[in-house]
C-alpha atoms as a PDB file:
ATOM      1  CA  MET A   1      97.420  -2.106  34.505  1.00  0.00           C
ATOM      2  CA  LYS A   2      95.032   0.823  34.000  1.00  0.00           C
ATOM      3  CA  VAL A   3      96.444   4.270  32.562  1.00  0.00           C
ATOM      4  CA  THR A   4      95.282   6.133  35.616  1.00  0.00           C
ATOM      5  CA  GLU A   5      97.817   3.686  37.853  1.00  0.00           C
ATOM      6  CA  LEU A   6     100.973   4.914  35.840  1.00  0.00           C
ATOM      7  CA  HIS A   7     100.862   8.399  37.381  1.00  0.00           C
ATOM      8  CA  ASP A   8     104.316   7.833  38.801  1.00  0.00           C
ATOM      9  CA  ILE A   9     105.920   5.957  35.914  1.00  0.00           C
ATOM     10  CA  PRO A  10     107.170   8.443  33.232  1.00  0.00           C
ATOM     11  CA  TRP A  11     105.307   7.743  29.743  1.00  0.00           C
ATOM     12  CA  VAL A  12     104.518   9.638  26.650  1.00  0.00           C
ATOM     13  CA  LEU A  13     101.408   9.231  24.543  1.00  0.00           C
ATOM     14  CA  THR A  14     101.638  10.151  20.793  1.00  0.00           C
ATOM     15  CA  GLY A  15     100.079   9.621  17.543  1.00  0.00           C
ATOM     16  CA  ASP A  16      97.015  10.207  15.244  1.00  0.00           C
ATOM     17  CA  PHE A  17      94.242  11.129  17.914  1.00  0.00           C
ATOM     18  CA  ASN A  18      92.044  11.745  14.877  1.00  0.00           C
ATOM     19  CA  GLU A  19      90.148  14.840  16.284  1.00  0.00           C
ATOM     20  CA  PRO A  20      91.309  18.396  17.000  1.00  0.00           C
ATOM     21  CA  LEU A  21      91.258  19.521  20.375  1.00  0.00           C
ATOM     22  CA  ILE A  22      90.426  23.210  19.824  1.00  0.00           C
ATOM     23  CA  GLU A  23      89.011  25.188  17.055  1.00  0.00           C
ATOM     24  CA  ASP A  24      92.405  27.000  16.339  1.00  0.00           C
ATOM     25  CA  ASP A  25      93.401  22.959  15.650  1.00  0.00           C
ATOM     26  CA  LYS A  26      91.148  23.115  12.629  1.00  0.00           C
ATOM     27  CA  PHE A  27      91.118  24.968   9.158  1.00  0.00           C
ATOM     28  CA  GLY A  28      88.579  24.517   6.230  1.00  0.00           C
ATOM     29  CA  GLY A  29      85.754  21.979   6.013  1.00  0.00           C
ATOM     30  CA  ARG A  30      82.756  21.244   8.386  1.00  0.00           C
ATOM     31  CA  PRO A  31      83.265  22.740  11.959  1.00  0.00           C
ATOM     32  CA  MET A  32      84.814  20.456  14.373  1.00  0.00           C
ATOM     33  CA  SER A  33      83.054  18.388  16.718  1.00  0.00           C
ATOM     34  CA  VAL A  34      82.600  19.998  19.993  1.00  0.00           C
ATOM     35  CA  SER A  35      81.397  17.061  21.702  1.00  0.00           C
ATOM     36  CA  ARG A  36      84.146  14.577  20.410  1.00  0.00           C
ATOM     37  CA  SER A  37      86.557  17.033  21.067  1.00  0.00           C
ATOM     38  CA  LEU A  38      85.564  17.700  24.536  1.00  0.00           C
ATOM     39  CA  SER A  39      85.580  13.656  24.955  1.00  0.00           C
ATOM     40  CA  LEU A  40      89.335  13.412  24.118  1.00  0.00           C
ATOM     41  CA  LYS A  41      89.985  16.385  26.445  1.00  0.00           C
ATOM     42  CA  GLU A  42      88.269  14.928  29.334  1.00  0.00           C
ATOM     43  CA  CYS A  43      90.017  11.476  28.410  1.00  0.00           C
ATOM     44  CA  LEU A  44      93.402  13.251  28.709  1.00  0.00           C
ATOM     45  CA  ASP A  45      92.237  15.128  31.648  1.00  0.00           C
ATOM     46  CA  LYS A  46      91.714  12.150  33.499  1.00  0.00           C
ATOM     47  CA  CYS A  47      94.991  10.451  32.524  1.00  0.00           C
ATOM     48  CA  ASN A  48      96.785  13.603  33.890  1.00  0.00           C
ATOM     49  CA  ILE A  49      98.261  14.521  30.464  1.00  0.00           C
ATOM     50  CA  ILE A  50     100.216  17.195  29.426  1.00  0.00           C
ATOM     51  CA  ASP A  51     100.559  18.829  25.897  1.00  0.00           C
ATOM     52  CA  ILE A  52     103.918  20.714  25.947  1.00  0.00           C
ATOM     53  CA  GLY A  53     103.235  22.808  22.937  1.00  0.00           C
ATOM     54  CA  PHE A  54     105.251  22.516  19.778  1.00  0.00           C
ATOM     55  CA  THR A  55     107.308  24.524  16.976  1.00  0.00           C
ATOM     56  CA  GLY A  56     107.100  24.268  13.317  1.00  0.00           C
ATOM     57  CA  ALA A  57     103.689  24.358  11.310  1.00  0.00           C
ATOM     58  CA  ARG A  58     100.402  24.118  13.262  1.00  0.00           C
ATOM     59  CA  PHE A  59      98.552  21.905  11.381  1.00  0.00           C
ATOM     60  CA  THR A  60      99.694  18.063  11.398  1.00  0.00           C
ATOM     61  CA  TRP A  61      97.362  16.812   8.368  1.00  0.00           C
ATOM     62  CA  THR A  62      95.879  17.646   5.536  1.00  0.00           C
ATOM     63  CA  ASN A  63      93.502  16.343   2.920  1.00  0.00           C
ATOM     64  CA  LYS A  64      95.539  17.510   0.090  1.00  0.00           C
ATOM     65  CA  ARG A  65      92.898  18.751  -1.922  1.00  0.00           C
ATOM     66  CA  PRO A  66      92.249  21.654  -3.851  1.00  0.00           C
ATOM     67  CA  LEU A  67      91.645  25.073  -2.011  1.00  0.00           C
ATOM     68  CA  GLN A  68      87.933  25.037  -2.398  1.00  0.00           C
ATOM     69  CA  THR A  69      87.711  21.898  -0.437  1.00  0.00           C
ATOM     70  CA  PHE A  70      90.886  22.133   1.544  1.00  0.00           C
ATOM     71  CA  ILE A  71      91.298  20.954   5.127  1.00  0.00           C
ATOM     72  CA  GLN A  72      94.414  21.167   7.798  1.00  0.00           C
ATOM     73  CA  GLU A  73      94.106  19.960  11.131  1.00  0.00           C
ATOM     74  CA  ARG A  74      96.385  19.266  14.092  1.00  0.00           C
ATOM     75  CA  ILE A  75      95.452  15.678  15.081  1.00  0.00           C
ATOM     76  CA  ASP A  76      99.138  14.350  15.635  1.00  0.00           C
ATOM     77  CA  ARG A  77     100.506  14.939  18.737  1.00  0.00           C
ATOM     78  CA  PHE A  78     103.104  13.972  21.692  1.00  0.00           C
ATOM     79  CA  SER A  79     101.629  14.369  25.357  1.00  0.00           C
ATOM     80  CA  MET A  80     103.155  13.001  28.281  1.00  0.00           C
ATOM     81  CA  ASN A  81     102.545  12.776  32.129  1.00  0.00           C
ATOM     82  CA  PRO A  82     103.889  15.042  34.815  1.00  0.00           C
ATOM     83  CA  SER A  83     106.662  12.654  35.746  1.00  0.00           C
ATOM     84  CA  TRP A  84     107.925  12.629  32.081  1.00  0.00           C
ATOM     85  CA  CYS A  85     108.191  16.437  32.487  1.00  0.00           C
ATOM     86  CA  LEU A  86     109.992  16.193  35.683  1.00  0.00           C
ATOM     87  CA  LEU A  87     112.375  13.884  34.088  1.00  0.00           C
ATOM     88  CA  PHE A  88     112.851  15.283  30.789  1.00  0.00           C
ATOM     89  CA  PRO A  89     112.234  19.153  31.436  1.00  0.00           C
ATOM     90  CA  ASN A  90     113.656  20.083  28.305  1.00  0.00           C
ATOM     91  CA  SER A  91     111.379  17.874  25.843  1.00  0.00           C
ATOM     92  CA  LYS A  92     110.625  19.685  22.672  1.00  0.00           C
ATOM     93  CA  VAL A  93     107.879  18.406  20.301  1.00  0.00           C
ATOM     94  CA  VAL A  94     108.719  19.672  16.536  1.00  0.00           C
ATOM     95  CA  HIS A  95     106.380  19.325  13.620  1.00  0.00           C
ATOM     96  CA  LEU A  96     108.580  18.635  10.770  1.00  0.00           C
ATOM     97  CA  THR A  97     107.910  19.571   6.881  1.00  0.00           C
ATOM     98  CA  ARG A  98     105.217  17.197   5.393  1.00  0.00           C
ATOM     99  CA  CYS A  99     106.572  15.323   2.564  1.00  0.00           C
ATOM    100  CA  HIS A 100     104.416  12.788   0.471  1.00  0.00           C
ATOM    101  CA  SER A 101     101.984  11.937   3.261  1.00  0.00           C
ATOM    102  CA  ASP A 102      99.001  13.727   4.493  1.00  0.00           C
ATOM    103  CA  HIS A 103     100.375  14.010   8.161  1.00  0.00           C
ATOM    104  CA  CYS A 104     103.743  15.474   8.651  1.00  0.00           C
ATOM    105  CA  PRO A 105     106.066  14.033  10.674  1.00  0.00           C
ATOM    106  CA  ILE A 106     106.430  14.925  14.493  1.00  0.00           C
ATOM    107  CA  LEU A 107     109.594  14.656  16.646  1.00  0.00           C
ATOM    108  CA  LEU A 108     110.216  14.600  20.382  1.00  0.00           C
ATOM    109  CA  ASN A 109     113.511  16.046  21.157  1.00  0.00           C
ATOM    110  CA  MET A 110     114.485  15.124  25.017  1.00  0.00           C
END
């Protein structure tokens, strides 16, 4: 079964996408790759994926280095299809406080 055939089944896509989608999703380091971000966005758009936003800290990953080489990015996310949004209209994504990992935990409240 292809992802595009799942339009009527409610589903969520989550994880470390390893790429910020927009410039505001990155702080520090080299500029983000526009071509890679566009490729990711096109893929999500073709699959009719919706980003419902989040609460909490903007960035979900850090390189945990000193200020001169410090980088933060929003690369971890929950996204869902329209069927999920209709079934669970009160869904909220929360970026929790990062502890020991370089990634912060993210939570989907339904």
